Protein backbone atom coordinates (compact mmCIF):
# COMPACT_ATOMS: atom_id res chain seq x y z
CA MET A 1 -12.55 -0.47 34.96
CA ILE A 2 -13.16 -4.03 33.74
CA ARG A 3 -16.37 -2.88 32.05
CA ILE A 4 -14.52 -0.11 30.19
CA GLN A 5 -11.88 -2.64 29.12
CA SER A 6 -14.61 -4.98 27.82
CA LEU A 7 -16.25 -2.17 25.86
CA PHE A 8 -12.91 -1.17 24.37
CA ASP A 9 -12.16 -4.78 23.39
CA PHE A 10 -15.60 -5.03 21.76
CA TYR A 11 -14.88 -1.79 19.87
CA LEU A 12 -11.74 -3.38 18.42
CA LYS A 13 -13.06 -6.92 17.86
CA SER A 14 -16.21 -5.69 16.13
CA SER A 15 -14.07 -3.84 13.55
CA ILE A 16 -15.46 -0.40 14.41
CA HIS A 17 -11.95 0.97 14.81
CA VAL A 18 -10.68 -0.30 11.47
CA ALA A 19 -13.89 1.04 9.87
CA LEU A 20 -13.07 4.44 11.34
CA SER A 21 -9.64 4.23 9.67
CA VAL A 22 -11.28 3.49 6.32
CA TYR A 23 -13.71 6.39 6.85
CA ALA A 24 -10.74 8.68 7.59
CA LEU A 25 -9.00 7.67 4.35
CA VAL A 26 -12.18 8.31 2.36
CA ARG A 27 -12.32 11.80 3.88
CA MET A 28 -8.63 12.25 3.03
CA THR A 29 -9.39 11.40 -0.60
CA GLN A 30 -12.22 13.91 -0.68
CA TYR A 31 -9.89 16.55 0.76
CA MET A 32 -6.96 15.79 -1.56
CA PHE A 33 -9.10 15.97 -4.70
CA ALA A 34 -11.31 18.85 -3.48
CA ILE A 35 -14.45 16.71 -3.59
CA PRO A 36 -17.42 17.99 -1.55
CA TYR A 37 -18.26 15.81 1.44
CA ASP A 38 -20.43 12.90 0.30
CA GLU A 39 -22.15 11.13 3.17
CA SER A 40 -23.28 8.18 1.06
CA ILE A 41 -19.79 7.06 0.01
CA ALA A 42 -18.21 7.79 3.41
CA PHE A 43 -20.75 5.78 5.39
CA PHE A 44 -20.95 3.06 2.73
CA ALA A 45 -17.20 2.55 3.25
CA PHE A 46 -17.55 2.70 7.05
CA PHE A 47 -20.37 0.19 7.42
CA GLY A 48 -19.06 -1.94 4.55
CA THR A 49 -15.76 -2.32 6.40
CA ILE A 50 -17.54 -3.55 9.53
CA VAL A 51 -19.47 -6.12 7.50
CA GLY A 52 -16.48 -7.20 5.41
CA TYR A 53 -13.96 -7.49 8.23
CA ASN A 54 -16.35 -9.28 10.58
CA PHE A 55 -17.30 -11.67 7.78
CA VAL A 56 -13.64 -12.44 7.14
CA LYS A 57 -12.84 -12.88 10.85
CA TYR A 58 -15.89 -14.81 12.01
CA ASP A 59 -17.26 -16.59 8.93
CA ALA A 60 -15.17 -19.72 9.43
CA LEU A 61 -16.18 -19.92 13.10
CA ALA A 62 -19.86 -19.51 12.31
CA ARG A 63 -19.83 -22.13 9.54
CA ALA A 64 -17.78 -24.66 11.50
CA LYS A 65 -20.13 -24.44 14.51
CA LYS A 66 -17.46 -25.99 16.65
CA ARG A 67 -18.57 -24.06 19.71
CA MET A 68 -21.52 -22.07 20.92
CA MET A 69 -21.41 -18.39 20.10
CA ARG A 70 -20.56 -16.33 23.15
CA ASN A 71 -22.60 -13.23 23.95
CA GLU A 72 -19.79 -11.07 22.55
CA LEU A 73 -19.95 -12.84 19.18
CA LYS A 74 -23.73 -12.52 19.16
CA LEU A 75 -23.37 -8.77 19.69
CA ILE A 76 -20.82 -8.60 16.87
CA ALA A 77 -23.19 -10.57 14.63
CA PHE A 78 -26.02 -8.16 15.49
CA LEU A 79 -23.82 -5.12 14.80
CA SER A 80 -22.76 -6.69 11.49
CA PHE A 81 -26.41 -7.23 10.53
CA ILE A 82 -27.32 -3.60 11.31
CA SER A 83 -24.23 -2.50 9.36
CA PHE A 84 -25.31 -4.72 6.45
CA LEU A 85 -28.66 -2.93 6.33
CA ALA A 86 -26.84 0.42 6.39
CA VAL A 87 -24.58 -0.75 3.55
CA GLY A 88 -27.66 -1.61 1.48
CA PHE A 89 -29.21 1.78 2.21
CA TYR A 90 -26.13 3.74 1.17
CA PHE A 91 -25.35 1.43 -1.76
CA PHE A 92 -28.53 2.51 -3.56
CA GLN A 93 -27.55 6.17 -3.08
CA LEU A 94 -24.35 5.67 -5.06
CA GLU A 95 -23.90 6.26 -8.77
CA LEU A 96 -24.33 3.20 -10.99
CA VAL A 97 -20.65 3.11 -11.97
CA THR A 98 -19.70 3.31 -8.29
CA GLN A 99 -21.99 0.39 -7.52
CA ILE A 100 -20.24 -1.66 -10.21
CA VAL A 101 -16.79 -0.88 -8.77
CA ALA A 102 -18.10 -1.65 -5.27
CA VAL A 103 -19.33 -5.06 -6.43
CA ALA A 104 -15.88 -5.74 -7.93
CA VAL A 105 -14.28 -4.97 -4.56
CA LEU A 106 -16.87 -7.23 -2.90
CA ILE A 107 -15.92 -10.09 -5.23
CA LEU A 108 -12.27 -9.56 -4.32
CA THR A 109 -13.22 -9.70 -0.63
CA LEU A 110 -15.22 -12.90 -1.12
CA LEU A 111 -12.31 -14.42 -3.02
CA TYR A 112 -10.18 -13.60 0.00
CA THR A 113 -12.63 -15.37 2.30
CA LEU A 114 -14.40 -18.21 0.51
CA PRO A 115 -12.90 -21.24 -1.32
CA PHE A 116 -14.08 -20.88 -4.93
CA PHE A 117 -11.64 -23.19 -6.67
CA PRO A 118 -11.36 -26.98 -6.37
CA ASN A 119 -8.59 -28.27 -4.13
CA ARG A 120 -7.86 -24.72 -3.02
CA ARG A 121 -8.45 -22.94 0.23
CA ASN A 122 -9.52 -19.30 0.14
CA ALA A 123 -7.17 -16.59 -1.13
CA ARG A 124 -6.42 -15.65 2.45
CA ASN A 125 -4.47 -18.89 2.68
CA TRP A 126 -2.69 -18.63 -0.66
CA ALA A 127 1.01 -18.24 -0.01
CA GLY A 128 2.04 -14.58 0.09
CA VAL A 129 -1.16 -13.24 -1.50
CA LYS A 130 -3.04 -11.91 1.54
CA ILE A 131 -1.19 -8.60 1.94
CA TYR A 132 -1.69 -7.61 -1.71
CA ILE A 133 -5.42 -8.39 -1.79
CA VAL A 134 -6.08 -6.44 1.41
CA ALA A 135 -4.06 -3.44 0.16
CA LEU A 136 -5.90 -3.47 -3.19
CA CYS A 137 -9.28 -3.59 -1.44
CA TRP A 138 -8.33 -0.57 0.69
CA VAL A 139 -7.19 1.36 -2.40
CA GLY A 140 -10.43 0.51 -4.17
CA VAL A 141 -12.70 1.52 -1.30
CA THR A 142 -10.87 4.57 0.05
CA LEU A 143 -9.58 6.08 -3.20
CA MET A 144 -11.35 4.81 -6.30
CA LEU A 145 -14.93 4.74 -4.99
CA PRO A 146 -15.01 8.38 -3.80
CA LEU A 147 -13.52 9.64 -7.07
CA VAL A 148 -15.75 7.52 -9.30
CA ASN A 149 -18.87 8.53 -7.37
CA ALA A 150 -17.93 12.20 -7.76
CA HIS A 151 -17.26 11.72 -11.51
CA HIS A 152 -13.74 12.96 -10.93
CA ALA A 153 -11.22 12.43 -13.73
CA LEU A 154 -8.78 9.60 -13.01
CA GLY A 155 -5.62 11.32 -14.16
CA GLN A 156 -1.98 11.46 -13.08
CA ASP A 157 -2.74 12.49 -9.50
CA PHE A 158 -5.10 9.53 -9.11
CA PHE A 159 -2.45 6.99 -10.13
CA ILE A 160 0.14 8.63 -7.86
CA LYS A 161 -2.31 8.44 -4.97
CA CYS A 162 -3.03 4.79 -5.80
CA VAL A 163 0.64 3.95 -5.38
CA GLN A 164 0.92 6.02 -2.19
CA ARG A 165 -2.24 4.51 -0.67
CA PHE A 166 -1.10 0.98 -1.56
CA ILE A 167 2.28 1.60 0.11
CA LEU A 168 0.60 3.04 3.21
CA VAL A 169 -1.72 0.06 3.67
CA PHE A 170 1.07 -2.39 2.77
CA ASP A 171 3.29 -0.93 5.50
CA LEU A 172 0.47 -0.98 8.04
CA ILE A 173 -0.09 -4.68 7.33
CA LEU A 174 3.64 -5.36 7.68
CA VAL A 175 3.40 -4.27 11.32
CA PHE A 176 0.51 -6.72 11.85
CA GLU A 177 2.46 -9.53 10.20
CA ILE A 178 5.51 -8.91 12.39
CA ILE A 179 3.43 -8.96 15.57
CA ASP A 180 1.48 -12.07 14.46
CA LEU A 181 4.60 -13.91 13.31
CA ASN A 182 4.47 -16.54 16.07
CA ASN A 183 0.75 -17.19 15.55
CA ASP A 184 0.47 -17.21 11.75
CA ASP A 185 0.36 -20.50 9.88
CA PRO A 186 3.83 -21.04 8.31
CA HIS A 187 2.12 -21.92 5.02
CA LEU A 188 0.77 -18.37 4.72
CA LYS A 189 4.26 -17.19 3.77
CA THR A 190 3.78 -13.68 5.10
CA VAL A 191 6.54 -11.18 4.38
CA PRO A 192 8.30 -11.67 7.78
CA GLN A 193 8.11 -15.44 7.34
CA GLN A 194 9.83 -15.20 3.97
CA ILE A 195 12.50 -12.56 4.54
CA GLY A 196 12.70 -12.20 8.34
CA VAL A 197 11.69 -9.41 10.69
CA LYS A 198 14.72 -7.15 10.14
CA ARG A 199 14.40 -7.19 6.37
CA THR A 200 10.65 -6.68 6.62
CA LYS A 201 11.23 -3.53 8.67
CA LEU A 202 13.86 -2.36 6.18
CA LEU A 203 11.45 -3.01 3.29
CA GLY A 204 8.73 -1.01 5.03
CA LEU A 205 11.07 1.91 5.70
CA LEU A 206 12.39 1.93 2.13
CA LEU A 207 8.84 1.98 0.73
CA LEU A 208 8.15 5.15 2.69
CA VAL A 209 10.75 6.98 0.57
CA PRO A 210 8.76 6.80 -2.70
CA PHE A 211 5.56 7.30 -0.69
CA TYR A 212 6.84 10.71 0.44
CA PHE A 213 8.57 11.93 -2.73
CA LEU A 214 5.77 10.91 -5.10
CA GLU A 215 3.89 13.88 -3.67
CA PHE A 216 6.19 16.21 -5.66
CA LEU A 217 4.96 14.66 -8.94
CA LYS A 218 1.33 15.62 -8.37
CA ILE A 219 -0.17 18.14 -10.76
CA ASN A 220 -2.15 19.73 -7.93
CA PHE A 221 0.82 19.95 -5.61
CA VAL A 222 0.09 21.36 -2.13
CA GLU A 223 3.07 22.28 0.05
CA LYS A 224 1.13 21.85 3.29
CA GLN A 225 0.63 18.17 2.45
CA LEU A 226 4.39 17.64 2.60
CA LEU A 227 4.43 18.47 6.31
CA VAL A 228 1.43 16.23 7.02
CA ASN A 229 2.99 13.39 5.03
CA LEU A 230 6.31 13.83 6.81
CA ILE A 231 4.60 13.43 10.20
CA LEU A 232 2.81 10.35 8.84
CA VAL A 233 6.08 8.83 7.58
CA LEU A 234 7.82 9.45 10.91
CA MET A 235 4.92 7.92 12.85
CA LEU A 236 4.77 4.82 10.68
CA SER A 237 8.56 4.47 10.78
CA VAL A 238 8.51 4.44 14.59
CA PHE A 239 5.78 1.79 14.70
CA LEU A 240 7.68 -0.32 12.16
CA VAL A 241 11.03 -0.09 13.95
CA PHE A 242 9.60 -0.93 17.38
CA SER A 243 7.27 -3.70 16.23
CA ASN A 244 8.04 -7.26 17.39
CA GLU A 245 6.30 -10.53 18.22
CA LYS A 246 6.04 -9.65 21.94
CA ARG A 247 4.03 -6.47 21.46
CA SER A 248 0.54 -6.22 22.94
CA LYS A 249 -2.43 -6.81 20.61
CA TYR A 250 -3.35 -3.14 21.13
CA TYR A 251 -0.08 -2.07 19.49
CA SER A 252 -1.42 -3.05 16.08
CA SER A 253 -5.19 -3.36 16.49
CA PHE A 254 -5.52 0.11 18.04
CA TRP A 255 -2.40 2.25 17.69
CA VAL A 256 -1.30 1.23 14.19
CA GLU A 257 -4.86 1.27 12.87
CA SER A 258 -5.21 4.78 14.33
CA ILE A 259 -2.56 6.16 11.96
CA PRO A 260 -5.02 6.92 9.09
CA VAL A 261 -7.31 8.68 11.58
CA ILE A 262 -4.41 10.76 12.94
CA TRP A 263 -3.38 11.57 9.36
CA TRP A 264 -6.86 12.87 8.60
CA LEU A 265 -7.01 14.87 11.84
CA LEU A 266 -3.66 16.47 11.01
CA VAL A 267 -5.11 17.70 7.74
CA VAL A 268 -8.15 19.10 9.55
CA LEU A 269 -6.02 20.83 12.20
CA LEU A 270 -3.35 22.17 9.87
């Protein structure tokens, strides 16, 4: 039982689960815009997420060298290296314009992680900026890259989906910020730190209203998607309402990050 628990913890800590969520959103984009399945962009996003998230989480620890790397961290480093090779492989299978957009997202990720400006820490530590950078990166990887690589026109439906995807990721991060409220540096000025937990939940719930009704403005409107989106909104609302600082780490790192996967599976099943 302990061994299974350790494997599950490694699955979460090594960012495989969040990478699966990104993969699911890429597949959702391909479904929504009737794009044929493209392995190169789907696995580029999957492995790129593992590399990016592990770099963000463990870069400071590796550079500081304040303690010896445990076996678990060595395994995560090895997985990240293998994923990096996979990213390189799939990167050169992408269209040139997609590669350019991917590099732009990479720069945004590095800005989030590394201190580029004098007398400044990285963007992750800039007051109130973190949630917007992460949401923009997710929109870029899960929505823009698949469409650009398929040479799909970026019309009205694309911009509507950009807003919806941004709201979805923004709300998911709100749950994380509520749960991490007691552990986050006060200088980060996360949303719950600035407006309180109750108002953060209210903000998240209110944002789900335009998320749902924007679907009606799509040119390629599909009625079935309304039911799927309604289930998604109800799920996310429940997780928002019941989130608090005392929740287990699995509440956000597994269950909340599973929402995009469940959303994709609902589309497949329905």
